[in-house]
């Protein structure tokens, strides 16, 4: 098993970042390569899709599960086959003076994780940075949109 982590400071309120992270049906709005869909019958069950930028069809689709949900600080989901290869993506949030401190983590476990350790680790580090940048842009864009929407609603 191995884990890669990164931390980023976001200039958005913790509650807003939390809402974006747990709204799994909207992941494709901001996550550069992951789509998630919730199951209306089992809220811990997800459909995971992995996308490549510019591709119209997903590379892979599989069942995933929410493995950690502690409001409003911890959220994680896992996809893969236990013992063979599982990937877990998780987020930890803390309030900060600038807004929110986000710790982002990807963990790989199972036999396949040891085989891919040297190859996957640098790739996953880049994925973390790409995902965090995308989330930051999405939050910034949403803040601007909500400011204008709020301002225009006052003038009506």
N, C-alpha and C. Protein backbone atom coordinates (compact mmCIF):
# COMPACT_ATOMS: atom_id res chain seq x y z
N UNK A 1 0.85 -1.18 0.00
CA UNK A 1 0.00 0.00 0.00
C UNK A 1 0.88 1.24 0.00
N UNK A 2 0.43 2.26 -0.70
CA UNK A 2 1.12 3.54 -0.63
C UNK A 2 0.09 4.66 -0.75
N UNK A 3 0.48 5.81 -0.24
CA UNK A 3 -0.39 6.98 -0.22
C UNK A 3 0.39 8.19 -0.70
N UNK A 4 -0.28 9.04 -1.48
CA UNK A 4 0.27 10.34 -1.84
C UNK A 4 -0.69 11.38 -1.31
N UNK A 5 -0.14 12.47 -0.77
CA UNK A 5 -0.96 13.53 -0.19
C UNK A 5 -0.47 14.88 -0.64
N UNK A 6 -1.38 15.80 -0.61
CA UNK A 6 -1.04 17.19 -0.86
C UNK A 6 -2.02 18.05 -0.06
N UNK A 7 -1.63 19.27 0.18
CA UNK A 7 -2.47 20.19 0.93
C UNK A 7 -2.54 21.51 0.17
N UNK A 8 -3.70 22.13 0.21
CA UNK A 8 -3.89 23.40 -0.49
C UNK A 8 -4.80 24.29 0.35
N UNK A 9 -4.54 25.57 0.29
CA UNK A 9 -5.39 26.55 0.97
C UNK A 9 -6.36 27.12 -0.06
N UNK A 10 -7.64 27.06 0.26
CA UNK A 10 -8.69 27.55 -0.64
C UNK A 10 -9.36 28.78 -0.03
N UNK A 11 -9.60 29.79 -0.85
CA UNK A 11 -10.24 31.00 -0.34
C UNK A 11 -11.76 30.88 -0.51
N UNK A 12 -12.30 29.84 0.09
CA UNK A 12 -13.75 29.61 0.09
C UNK A 12 -14.13 29.08 1.47
N UNK A 13 -15.32 29.39 1.93
CA UNK A 13 -15.74 28.90 3.25
C UNK A 13 -15.78 27.37 3.29
N UNK A 14 -15.47 26.82 4.44
CA UNK A 14 -15.44 25.38 4.62
C UNK A 14 -16.77 24.74 4.21
N UNK A 15 -17.88 25.31 4.58
CA UNK A 15 -19.18 24.73 4.24
C UNK A 15 -19.39 24.63 2.74
N UNK A 16 -18.91 25.60 2.00
CA UNK A 16 -19.06 25.58 0.54
C UNK A 16 -18.18 24.50 -0.08
N UNK A 17 -16.93 24.39 0.39
CA UNK A 17 -16.02 23.36 -0.12
C UNK A 17 -16.61 21.98 0.19
N UNK A 18 -17.13 21.82 1.40
CA UNK A 18 -17.75 20.55 1.79
C UNK A 18 -18.90 20.19 0.86
N UNK A 19 -19.77 21.14 0.59
CA UNK A 19 -20.93 20.87 -0.30
C UNK A 19 -20.46 20.41 -1.68
N UNK A 20 -19.42 21.02 -2.20
CA UNK A 20 -18.91 20.63 -3.52
C UNK A 20 -18.35 19.21 -3.47
N UNK A 21 -17.57 18.90 -2.44
CA UNK A 21 -16.93 17.58 -2.35
C UNK A 21 -17.92 16.43 -2.18
N UNK A 22 -18.99 16.65 -1.44
CA UNK A 22 -19.94 15.56 -1.19
C UNK A 22 -21.07 15.51 -2.21
N UNK A 23 -21.15 16.48 -3.10
CA UNK A 23 -22.14 16.45 -4.18
C UNK A 23 -21.58 15.61 -5.32
N UNK A 24 -21.57 14.29 -5.11
CA UNK A 24 -20.88 13.39 -6.03
C UNK A 24 -21.47 13.42 -7.44
N UNK A 25 -22.74 13.70 -7.56
CA UNK A 25 -23.35 13.73 -8.89
C UNK A 25 -22.87 14.90 -9.74
N UNK A 26 -22.15 15.84 -9.13
CA UNK A 26 -21.62 17.01 -9.86
C UNK A 26 -20.10 16.98 -10.02
N UNK A 27 -19.46 15.85 -9.74
CA UNK A 27 -18.00 15.77 -9.84
C UNK A 27 -17.49 16.14 -11.23
N UNK A 28 -18.20 15.77 -12.26
CA UNK A 28 -17.74 16.07 -13.62
C UNK A 28 -17.70 17.58 -13.87
N UNK A 29 -18.36 18.38 -13.05
CA UNK A 29 -18.31 19.84 -13.20
C UNK A 29 -16.92 20.39 -12.85
N UNK A 30 -16.19 19.69 -11.98
CA UNK A 30 -14.91 20.23 -11.53
C UNK A 30 -13.76 19.22 -11.52
N UNK A 31 -14.04 17.95 -11.35
CA UNK A 31 -12.96 16.96 -11.26
C UNK A 31 -12.45 16.66 -12.66
N UNK A 32 -11.15 16.78 -12.91
CA UNK A 32 -10.63 16.67 -14.27
C UNK A 32 -10.73 15.28 -14.90
N UNK A 33 -10.85 14.23 -14.11
CA UNK A 33 -10.87 12.90 -14.70
C UNK A 33 -11.83 11.91 -14.04
N UNK A 34 -12.58 12.34 -13.04
CA UNK A 34 -13.46 11.43 -12.32
C UNK A 34 -14.91 11.90 -12.39
N UNK A 35 -15.76 10.95 -12.68
CA UNK A 35 -17.19 11.17 -12.57
C UNK A 35 -17.74 10.20 -11.55
N UNK A 36 -18.64 10.65 -10.71
CA UNK A 36 -19.30 9.79 -9.74
C UNK A 36 -20.80 9.99 -9.86
N UNK A 37 -21.56 8.94 -9.64
CA UNK A 37 -23.01 9.02 -9.59
C UNK A 37 -23.47 8.27 -8.35
N UNK A 38 -24.38 8.88 -7.61
CA UNK A 38 -24.89 8.23 -6.41
C UNK A 38 -25.98 7.23 -6.78
N UNK A 39 -26.17 6.27 -5.91
CA UNK A 39 -27.22 5.27 -6.05
C UNK A 39 -28.37 5.72 -5.16
N UNK A 40 -29.57 5.94 -5.72
CA UNK A 40 -30.69 6.42 -4.89
C UNK A 40 -31.12 5.44 -3.81
N UNK A 41 -30.82 4.16 -3.98
CA UNK A 41 -31.22 3.14 -3.00
C UNK A 41 -30.19 3.03 -1.87
N UNK A 42 -28.91 3.07 -2.21
CA UNK A 42 -27.82 2.94 -1.24
C UNK A 42 -26.91 4.15 -1.35
N UNK A 43 -27.00 5.12 -0.43
CA UNK A 43 -26.22 6.36 -0.54
C UNK A 43 -24.70 6.15 -0.46
N UNK A 44 -24.24 5.00 0.01
CA UNK A 44 -22.80 4.74 0.07
C UNK A 44 -22.27 4.10 -1.21
N UNK A 45 -23.16 3.69 -2.08
CA UNK A 45 -22.77 3.05 -3.34
C UNK A 45 -22.68 4.12 -4.44
N UNK A 46 -21.61 4.05 -5.23
CA UNK A 46 -21.38 5.03 -6.29
C UNK A 46 -21.04 4.31 -7.60
N UNK A 47 -21.30 4.98 -8.71
CA UNK A 47 -20.78 4.54 -9.99
C UNK A 47 -19.61 5.46 -10.31
N UNK A 48 -18.42 4.88 -10.47
CA UNK A 48 -17.19 5.62 -10.75
C UNK A 48 -16.90 5.53 -12.23
N UNK A 49 -16.56 6.64 -12.84
CA UNK A 49 -16.08 6.65 -14.22
C UNK A 49 -14.80 7.46 -14.28
N UNK A 50 -13.83 6.95 -15.03
CA UNK A 50 -12.56 7.65 -15.22
C UNK A 50 -12.54 8.16 -16.66
N UNK A 51 -12.27 9.45 -16.83
CA UNK A 51 -12.27 10.09 -18.14
C UNK A 51 -10.88 10.59 -18.47
N UNK A 52 -10.56 10.60 -19.72
CA UNK A 52 -9.33 11.25 -20.20
C UNK A 52 -9.75 12.58 -20.81
N UNK A 53 -8.98 13.64 -20.58
CA UNK A 53 -9.34 14.94 -21.16
C UNK A 53 -9.54 14.84 -22.67
N UNK A 54 -10.65 15.39 -23.14
CA UNK A 54 -10.95 15.41 -24.56
C UNK A 54 -11.66 14.17 -25.08
N UNK A 55 -11.74 13.12 -24.29
CA UNK A 55 -12.43 11.90 -24.72
C UNK A 55 -13.91 12.01 -24.42
N UNK A 56 -14.75 11.50 -25.29
CA UNK A 56 -16.20 11.56 -25.05
C UNK A 56 -16.69 10.38 -24.25
N UNK A 57 -15.99 9.26 -24.30
CA UNK A 57 -16.39 8.07 -23.55
C UNK A 57 -15.42 7.83 -22.40
N UNK A 58 -15.93 7.29 -21.28
CA UNK A 58 -15.03 7.01 -20.16
C UNK A 58 -14.07 5.87 -20.48
N UNK A 59 -12.91 5.90 -19.85
CA UNK A 59 -11.91 4.84 -20.01
C UNK A 59 -12.36 3.61 -19.23
N UNK A 60 -12.92 3.84 -18.04
CA UNK A 60 -13.35 2.74 -17.19
C UNK A 60 -14.56 3.18 -16.38
N UNK A 61 -15.44 2.25 -16.10
CA UNK A 61 -16.57 2.46 -15.19
C UNK A 61 -16.59 1.28 -14.23
N UNK A 62 -16.82 1.57 -12.96
CA UNK A 62 -16.84 0.51 -11.95
C UNK A 62 -17.65 0.98 -10.75
N UNK A 63 -18.03 0.02 -9.93
CA UNK A 63 -18.73 0.35 -8.69
C UNK A 63 -17.72 0.86 -7.67
N UNK A 64 -18.09 1.89 -6.94
CA UNK A 64 -17.26 2.46 -5.87
C UNK A 64 -18.13 2.59 -4.62
N UNK A 65 -17.48 2.87 -3.51
CA UNK A 65 -18.21 3.04 -2.24
C UNK A 65 -17.66 4.22 -1.46
N UNK A 66 -18.55 4.93 -0.81
CA UNK A 66 -18.15 5.95 0.16
C UNK A 66 -17.63 5.18 1.37
N UNK A 67 -16.40 5.45 1.77
CA UNK A 67 -15.79 4.73 2.89
C UNK A 67 -15.59 5.61 4.12
N UNK A 68 -15.72 6.92 3.94
CA UNK A 68 -15.61 7.83 5.08
C UNK A 68 -16.48 9.05 4.81
N UNK A 69 -17.31 9.37 5.79
CA UNK A 69 -18.18 10.54 5.70
C UNK A 69 -18.36 11.08 7.11
N UNK A 70 -17.57 12.09 7.44
CA UNK A 70 -17.64 12.73 8.75
C UNK A 70 -17.84 14.21 8.50
N UNK A 71 -19.06 14.67 8.66
CA UNK A 71 -19.41 16.07 8.36
C UNK A 71 -18.80 17.01 9.38
N UNK A 72 -18.30 18.12 9.00
CA UNK A 72 -17.98 18.61 7.66
C UNK A 72 -16.49 18.55 7.37
N UNK A 73 -15.84 17.44 7.75
CA UNK A 73 -14.38 17.45 7.62
C UNK A 73 -13.78 16.33 6.77
N UNK A 74 -14.38 15.16 6.73
CA UNK A 74 -13.75 14.02 6.05
C UNK A 74 -14.69 13.33 5.09
N UNK A 75 -14.20 13.14 3.87
CA UNK A 75 -14.96 12.43 2.84
C UNK A 75 -13.99 11.61 2.00
N UNK A 76 -14.31 10.33 1.79
CA UNK A 76 -13.47 9.48 0.95
C UNK A 76 -14.33 8.42 0.29
N UNK A 77 -13.90 8.01 -0.88
CA UNK A 77 -14.54 6.92 -1.61
C UNK A 77 -13.46 6.01 -2.16
N UNK A 78 -13.84 4.74 -2.44
CA UNK A 78 -12.87 3.73 -2.88
C UNK A 78 -13.43 2.95 -4.06
N UNK A 79 -12.55 2.62 -4.99
CA UNK A 79 -12.91 1.83 -6.17
C UNK A 79 -11.85 0.75 -6.37
N UNK A 80 -12.25 -0.39 -6.91
CA UNK A 80 -11.30 -1.44 -7.23
C UNK A 80 -11.70 -2.77 -6.66
N UNK A 81 -10.79 -3.72 -6.75
CA UNK A 81 -11.03 -5.08 -6.28
C UNK A 81 -10.11 -5.34 -5.09
N UNK A 82 -10.73 -5.64 -3.93
CA UNK A 82 -9.98 -5.86 -2.70
C UNK A 82 -8.96 -6.98 -2.91
N UNK A 83 -7.74 -6.72 -2.46
CA UNK A 83 -6.67 -7.69 -2.59
C UNK A 83 -5.89 -7.56 -3.89
N UNK A 84 -6.55 -7.10 -4.94
CA UNK A 84 -5.88 -6.95 -6.23
C UNK A 84 -5.38 -5.51 -6.41
N UNK A 85 -6.32 -4.57 -6.51
CA UNK A 85 -5.96 -3.15 -6.61
C UNK A 85 -7.17 -2.31 -6.23
N UNK A 86 -7.00 -1.47 -5.24
CA UNK A 86 -8.02 -0.51 -4.83
C UNK A 86 -7.38 0.86 -4.76
N UNK A 87 -8.13 1.85 -5.20
CA UNK A 87 -7.70 3.25 -5.11
C UNK A 87 -8.74 3.98 -4.28
N UNK A 88 -8.26 4.72 -3.29
CA UNK A 88 -9.13 5.52 -2.43
C UNK A 88 -8.75 6.98 -2.59
N UNK A 89 -9.75 7.82 -2.85
CA UNK A 89 -9.53 9.26 -2.90
C UNK A 89 -10.25 9.87 -1.72
N UNK A 90 -9.53 10.70 -0.96
CA UNK A 90 -10.12 11.28 0.23
C UNK A 90 -9.73 12.73 0.42
N UNK A 91 -10.57 13.41 1.18
CA UNK A 91 -10.38 14.83 1.47
C UNK A 91 -10.59 15.06 2.96
N UNK A 92 -9.75 15.92 3.53
CA UNK A 92 -9.91 16.36 4.91
C UNK A 92 -9.92 17.89 4.89
N UNK A 93 -10.92 18.48 5.52
CA UNK A 93 -11.08 19.94 5.53
C UNK A 93 -10.91 20.49 6.93
N UNK A 94 -10.27 21.66 7.00
CA UNK A 94 -10.17 22.41 8.25
C UNK A 94 -10.38 23.88 7.92
N UNK A 95 -11.07 24.57 8.81
CA UNK A 95 -11.26 26.01 8.65
C UNK A 95 -9.92 26.70 8.85
N UNK A 96 -9.65 27.71 8.01
CA UNK A 96 -8.41 28.48 8.13
C UNK A 96 -8.75 29.96 8.01
N UNK A 97 -7.81 30.85 8.37
CA UNK A 97 -8.07 32.29 8.25
C UNK A 97 -8.38 32.71 6.81
N UNK A 98 -7.79 32.00 5.83
CA UNK A 98 -8.02 32.34 4.41
C UNK A 98 -9.31 31.73 3.88
N UNK A 99 -9.86 30.76 4.58
CA UNK A 99 -11.06 30.06 4.12
C UNK A 99 -11.04 28.61 4.57
N UNK A 100 -10.42 27.75 3.75
CA UNK A 100 -10.40 26.32 4.04
C UNK A 100 -9.05 25.71 3.69
N UNK A 101 -8.54 24.91 4.59
CA UNK A 101 -7.35 24.12 4.31
C UNK A 101 -7.82 22.73 3.90
N UNK A 102 -7.43 22.29 2.71
CA UNK A 102 -7.84 21.00 2.19
C UNK A 102 -6.64 20.07 2.09
N UNK A 103 -6.75 18.91 2.70
CA UNK A 103 -5.74 17.86 2.53
C UNK A 103 -6.37 16.82 1.62
N UNK A 104 -5.69 16.53 0.52
CA UNK A 104 -6.18 15.63 -0.51
C UNK A 104 -5.27 14.41 -0.53
N UNK A 105 -5.88 13.22 -0.57
CA UNK A 105 -5.09 12.00 -0.45
C UNK A 105 -5.57 10.96 -1.46
N UNK A 106 -4.62 10.28 -2.08
CA UNK A 106 -4.90 9.11 -2.91
C UNK A 106 -4.10 7.95 -2.34
N UNK A 107 -4.77 6.83 -2.08
CA UNK A 107 -4.10 5.64 -1.56
C UNK A 107 -4.36 4.48 -2.49
N UNK A 108 -3.34 3.68 -2.70
CA UNK A 108 -3.46 2.46 -3.49
C UNK A 108 -3.13 1.28 -2.58
N UNK A 109 -3.95 0.23 -2.66
CA UNK A 109 -3.69 -0.97 -1.87
C UNK A 109 -3.94 -2.20 -2.74
N UNK A 110 -3.47 -3.33 -2.25
CA UNK A 110 -3.62 -4.58 -2.96
C UNK A 110 -2.35 -4.95 -3.70
N UNK A 111 -2.33 -6.17 -4.22
CA UNK A 111 -1.16 -6.69 -4.92
C UNK A 111 -0.71 -5.77 -6.06
N UNK A 112 -1.64 -5.27 -6.84
CA UNK A 112 -1.32 -4.41 -7.97
C UNK A 112 -0.67 -3.10 -7.57
N UNK A 113 -0.92 -2.65 -6.35
CA UNK A 113 -0.31 -1.38 -5.91
C UNK A 113 1.20 -1.52 -5.76
N UNK A 114 1.67 -2.68 -5.32
CA UNK A 114 3.11 -2.87 -5.19
C UNK A 114 3.79 -2.95 -6.54
N UNK A 115 3.11 -3.57 -7.50
CA UNK A 115 3.68 -3.66 -8.84
C UNK A 115 3.75 -2.29 -9.51
N UNK A 116 2.75 -1.46 -9.25
CA UNK A 116 2.70 -0.16 -9.89
C UNK A 116 3.26 0.99 -9.08
N UNK A 117 3.88 0.67 -7.92
CA UNK A 117 4.35 1.72 -7.02
C UNK A 117 5.23 2.75 -7.72
N UNK A 118 6.25 2.30 -8.43
CA UNK A 118 7.18 3.25 -9.07
C UNK A 118 6.52 4.00 -10.22
N UNK A 119 5.64 3.35 -10.93
CA UNK A 119 4.98 3.97 -12.08
C UNK A 119 3.82 4.86 -11.63
N UNK A 120 3.00 4.37 -10.72
CA UNK A 120 1.77 5.07 -10.34
C UNK A 120 2.00 6.25 -9.41
N UNK A 121 2.97 6.18 -8.54
CA UNK A 121 3.17 7.24 -7.55
C UNK A 121 3.37 8.62 -8.19
N UNK A 122 4.29 8.79 -9.14
CA UNK A 122 4.44 10.11 -9.76
C UNK A 122 3.18 10.54 -10.52
N UNK A 123 2.52 9.60 -11.16
CA UNK A 123 1.28 9.88 -11.88
C UNK A 123 0.21 10.38 -10.91
N UNK A 124 0.08 9.71 -9.77
CA UNK A 124 -0.94 10.11 -8.79
C UNK A 124 -0.63 11.47 -8.18
N UNK A 125 0.63 11.79 -7.98
CA UNK A 125 1.00 13.13 -7.48
C UNK A 125 0.53 14.21 -8.46
N UNK A 126 0.73 13.97 -9.75
CA UNK A 126 0.26 14.93 -10.76
C UNK A 126 -1.26 15.01 -10.75
N UNK A 127 -1.93 13.88 -10.55
CA UNK A 127 -3.39 13.87 -10.51
C UNK A 127 -3.91 14.71 -9.33
N UNK A 128 -3.24 14.60 -8.18
CA UNK A 128 -3.63 15.41 -7.02
C UNK A 128 -3.58 16.89 -7.36
N UNK A 129 -2.45 17.32 -7.89
CA UNK A 129 -2.26 18.74 -8.22
C UNK A 129 -3.28 19.20 -9.26
N UNK A 130 -3.54 18.39 -10.27
CA UNK A 130 -4.50 18.74 -11.31
C UNK A 130 -5.92 18.86 -10.73
N UNK A 131 -6.27 17.93 -9.87
CA UNK A 131 -7.60 17.94 -9.25
C UNK A 131 -7.77 19.16 -8.35
N UNK A 132 -6.76 19.47 -7.54
CA UNK A 132 -6.85 20.62 -6.64
C UNK A 132 -6.93 21.92 -7.42
N UNK A 133 -6.18 22.06 -8.48
CA UNK A 133 -6.25 23.27 -9.32
C UNK A 133 -7.64 23.42 -9.94
N UNK A 134 -8.18 22.32 -10.39
CA UNK A 134 -9.51 22.34 -10.99
C UNK A 134 -10.57 22.71 -9.95
N UNK A 135 -10.47 22.16 -8.76
CA UNK A 135 -11.41 22.49 -7.68
C UNK A 135 -11.29 23.97 -7.32
N UNK A 136 -10.08 24.47 -7.23
CA UNK A 136 -9.85 25.88 -6.89
C UNK A 136 -10.49 26.79 -7.94
N UNK A 137 -10.29 26.49 -9.22
CA UNK A 137 -10.91 27.28 -10.30
C UNK A 137 -12.43 27.21 -10.23
N UNK A 138 -12.96 26.03 -9.97
CA UNK A 138 -14.40 25.85 -9.88
C UNK A 138 -14.99 26.66 -8.73
N UNK A 139 -14.34 26.62 -7.59
CA UNK A 139 -14.82 27.40 -6.43
C UNK A 139 -14.73 28.90 -6.70
N UNK A 140 -13.67 29.32 -7.35
CA UNK A 140 -13.50 30.74 -7.66
C UNK A 140 -14.57 31.20 -8.65
N UNK A 141 -14.80 30.40 -9.68
CA UNK A 141 -15.81 30.73 -10.69
C UNK A 141 -17.20 30.78 -10.05
N UNK A 142 -17.50 29.82 -9.19
CA UNK A 142 -18.79 29.80 -8.52
C UNK A 142 -18.99 30.99 -7.62
N UNK A 143 -17.91 31.43 -6.96
CA UNK A 143 -17.98 32.60 -6.09
C UNK A 143 -18.31 33.84 -6.91
N UNK A 144 -17.65 33.98 -8.05
CA UNK A 144 -17.91 35.14 -8.91
C UNK A 144 -19.33 35.10 -9.43
N UNK A 145 -19.78 33.93 -9.88
CA UNK A 145 -21.14 33.80 -10.39
C UNK A 145 -22.15 34.14 -9.30
N UNK A 146 -21.94 33.60 -8.10
CA UNK A 146 -22.90 33.87 -7.03
C UNK A 146 -22.88 35.33 -6.62
N UNK A 147 -21.73 35.99 -6.68
CA UNK A 147 -21.68 37.42 -6.36
C UNK A 147 -22.51 38.22 -7.34
N UNK A 148 -22.35 37.93 -8.64
CA UNK A 148 -23.12 38.66 -9.64
C UNK A 148 -24.60 38.34 -9.55
N UNK A 149 -24.92 37.08 -9.30
CA UNK A 149 -26.33 36.69 -9.17
C UNK A 149 -26.96 37.41 -7.98
N UNK A 150 -26.22 37.46 -6.90
CA UNK A 150 -26.72 38.11 -5.69
C UNK A 150 -26.92 39.60 -5.93
N UNK A 151 -25.94 40.22 -6.57
CA UNK A 151 -26.01 41.67 -6.81
C UNK A 151 -27.19 41.97 -7.74
N UNK A 152 -27.35 41.20 -8.82
CA UNK A 152 -28.43 41.52 -9.76
C UNK A 152 -29.80 41.28 -9.13
N UNK A 153 -29.91 40.33 -8.20
CA UNK A 153 -31.20 40.09 -7.58
C UNK A 153 -31.60 41.24 -6.66
N UNK A 154 -30.63 41.98 -6.13
CA UNK A 154 -30.94 43.13 -5.28
C UNK A 154 -31.53 44.28 -6.09
N UNK A 155 -31.10 44.40 -7.33
CA UNK A 155 -31.52 45.53 -8.15
C UNK A 155 -32.89 45.32 -8.79
N UNK A 156 -33.47 44.16 -8.62
CA UNK A 156 -34.78 43.91 -9.26
C UNK A 156 -35.90 44.23 -8.33
